[in-house]
Amino acid sequence: MPKKKKLKIKNKKSKIRKVQAKKTVKKGAKKKATRSSVKKTAKKQAPEISLEKIGEVTHYFPHVKAAAIMLLKDGLKVGDDIYIKGHTTDFKEKVKSIQLDHVSIDQGKKNQEIGLLVNKRVRQGDSVYRV
């Protein structure tokens, strides 16, 4: 009878080893995509907006929070939505006022350097897009 007890002990040890092996396989398995993980990745992606580059910042006046912008393509009107993007600049806003030679105008045309009020600091070389 003592021989049977030894066999039973060996069987128990082999079962334990098999269970441990299964657990390690489960730990290494890849996780399935859940709704929460999909939502997190969707938030990180930039929104798809049709952007058209219309100008470039040539100078910034910090005391009056205004930028000098050279219009390269189309004109720009008061009320248009613009997006300013640069190395450290990244924001959207609505055009409140436009000036040309210290005179308020309603619309800037191609190849004009206009003054534009902005809410945040911009830097020389930042790109201006129409949204």
Protein backbone atom coordinates (compact mmCIF):
# COMPACT_ATOMS: atom_id res chain seq x y z
CA MET A 1 0.00 0.00 0.00
CA PRO A 2 2.70 2.55 0.56
CA LYS A 3 3.52 2.36 -3.16
CA LYS A 4 0.05 3.60 -4.11
CA LYS A 5 0.40 6.61 -1.83
CA LYS A 6 3.66 7.57 -3.53
CA LEU A 7 1.99 7.40 -6.94
CA LYS A 8 -0.83 9.60 -5.78
CA ILE A 9 1.65 12.22 -4.56
CA LYS A 10 3.46 12.17 -7.91
CA ASN A 11 0.16 12.63 -9.74
CA LYS A 12 -0.74 15.60 -7.57
CA LYS A 13 2.60 17.25 -8.30
CA SER A 14 2.21 16.77 -12.04
CA LYS A 15 -1.31 18.25 -11.89
CA ILE A 16 0.02 21.26 -10.01
CA ARG A 17 2.73 21.77 -12.63
CA LYS A 18 0.14 21.61 -15.45
CA VAL A 19 -2.07 24.19 -13.71
CA GLN A 20 0.89 26.51 -13.20
CA ALA A 21 1.86 26.16 -16.85
CA LYS A 22 -1.68 27.12 -17.94
CA LYS A 23 -1.60 30.22 -15.71
CA THR A 24 1.63 31.46 -17.27
CA VAL A 25 0.16 31.05 -20.74
CA LYS A 26 -2.89 33.08 -19.76
CA LYS A 27 -0.75 35.89 -18.35
CA GLY A 28 1.17 36.23 -21.60
CA ALA A 29 -1.97 36.30 -23.76
CA LYS A 30 -2.86 39.60 -25.49
CA LYS A 31 -5.75 41.65 -24.17
CA LYS A 32 -8.76 42.19 -26.36
CA ALA A 33 -9.74 45.76 -27.27
CA THR A 34 -12.43 47.04 -24.97
CA ARG A 35 -14.69 50.02 -25.45
CA SER A 36 -12.76 52.09 -22.93
CA SER A 37 -9.43 51.45 -24.69
CA VAL A 38 -10.99 52.34 -28.06
CA LYS A 39 -12.36 55.59 -26.62
CA LYS A 40 -8.96 56.52 -25.22
CA THR A 41 -7.26 56.10 -28.58
CA ALA A 42 -10.01 58.05 -30.31
CA LYS A 43 -9.46 61.02 -27.98
CA LYS A 44 -5.73 61.14 -28.73
CA GLN A 45 -6.24 61.50 -32.48
CA ALA A 46 -6.53 65.03 -33.84
CA PRO A 47 -9.94 66.05 -35.18
CA GLU A 48 -10.28 65.90 -38.94
CA ILE A 49 -10.76 69.48 -40.10
CA SER A 50 -10.32 70.77 -43.63
CA LEU A 51 -7.47 73.26 -43.39
CA GLU A 52 -6.36 75.69 -46.04
CA LYS A 53 -3.15 77.65 -45.41
CA ILE A 54 -3.83 81.30 -46.07
CA GLY A 55 -0.94 83.09 -44.41
CA GLU A 56 2.06 83.25 -42.14
CA VAL A 57 2.86 85.29 -39.05
CA THR A 58 5.59 87.88 -39.70
CA HIS A 59 5.57 89.70 -36.34
CA TYR A 60 3.84 89.72 -32.93
CA PHE A 61 3.06 92.81 -30.82
CA PRO A 62 2.67 91.63 -27.19
CA HIS A 63 1.38 94.90 -25.67
CA VAL A 64 -1.68 95.01 -27.92
CA LYS A 65 -1.85 91.23 -28.50
CA ALA A 66 -1.81 91.62 -32.26
CA ALA A 67 -0.03 89.76 -35.03
CA ALA A 68 1.18 90.91 -38.43
CA ILE A 69 0.18 88.29 -40.98
CA MET A 70 1.20 88.04 -44.61
CA LEU A 71 -1.72 86.66 -46.62
CA LEU A 72 -0.35 84.19 -49.15
CA LYS A 73 -3.40 82.69 -50.85
CA ASP A 74 -6.94 83.92 -50.38
CA GLY A 75 -8.38 86.83 -48.48
CA LEU A 76 -9.50 86.85 -44.88
CA LYS A 77 -12.73 88.39 -43.57
CA VAL A 78 -13.88 89.50 -40.14
CA GLY A 79 -15.86 86.58 -38.66
CA ASP A 80 -13.83 83.80 -40.33
CA ASP A 81 -12.55 80.97 -38.14
CA ILE A 82 -8.77 80.56 -38.23
CA TYR A 83 -6.31 78.04 -36.84
CA ILE A 84 -2.77 79.13 -35.95
CA LYS A 85 -0.15 76.38 -35.73
CA GLY A 86 3.55 76.64 -34.99
CA HIS A 87 6.30 75.00 -32.99
CA THR A 88 4.77 76.01 -29.65
CA THR A 89 1.52 77.57 -30.89
CA ASP A 90 -1.68 75.62 -31.47
CA PHE A 91 -5.11 77.27 -31.16
CA LYS A 92 -8.31 78.20 -33.01
CA GLU A 93 -10.18 81.51 -32.85
CA LYS A 94 -12.58 83.77 -34.69
CA VAL A 95 -11.28 86.88 -36.47
CA LYS A 96 -12.47 89.93 -34.50
CA SER A 97 -10.74 92.79 -36.28
CA ILE A 98 -8.37 93.32 -39.20
CA GLN A 99 -6.23 96.40 -39.84
CA LEU A 100 -4.19 97.58 -42.79
CA ASP A 101 -1.87 100.59 -42.18
CA HIS A 102 -3.66 101.31 -38.83
CA VAL A 103 -7.08 101.49 -40.55
CA SER A 104 -9.77 98.91 -39.79
CA ILE A 105 -10.92 96.92 -42.81
CA ASP A 106 -13.51 94.18 -43.31
CA GLN A 107 -11.44 91.96 -45.61
CA GLY A 108 -7.74 91.38 -46.29
CA LYS A 109 -6.65 90.39 -49.79
CA LYS A 110 -3.85 88.22 -51.18
CA ASN A 111 -0.28 89.59 -50.79
CA GLN A 112 -1.31 92.11 -48.09
CA GLU A 113 0.33 92.25 -44.67
CA ILE A 114 -2.50 92.77 -42.21
CA GLY A 115 -2.73 93.28 -38.47
CA LEU A 116 -4.91 90.80 -36.59
CA LEU A 117 -5.98 90.69 -32.95
CA VAL A 118 -5.16 87.32 -31.34
CA ASN A 119 -5.98 85.85 -27.92
CA LYS A 120 -2.66 84.07 -27.36
CA ARG A 121 0.98 84.65 -28.18
CA VAL A 122 2.07 83.75 -31.70
CA ARG A 123 5.56 83.59 -33.13
CA GLN A 124 7.21 84.56 -36.37
CA GLY A 125 6.83 81.76 -38.91
CA ASP A 126 3.61 80.30 -37.45
CA SER A 127 1.15 79.16 -40.12
CA VAL A 128 -2.37 80.56 -40.35
CA TYR A 129 -5.12 78.29 -41.70
CA ARG A 130 -8.78 78.92 -42.51
CA VAL A 131 -11.06 76.35 -40.92
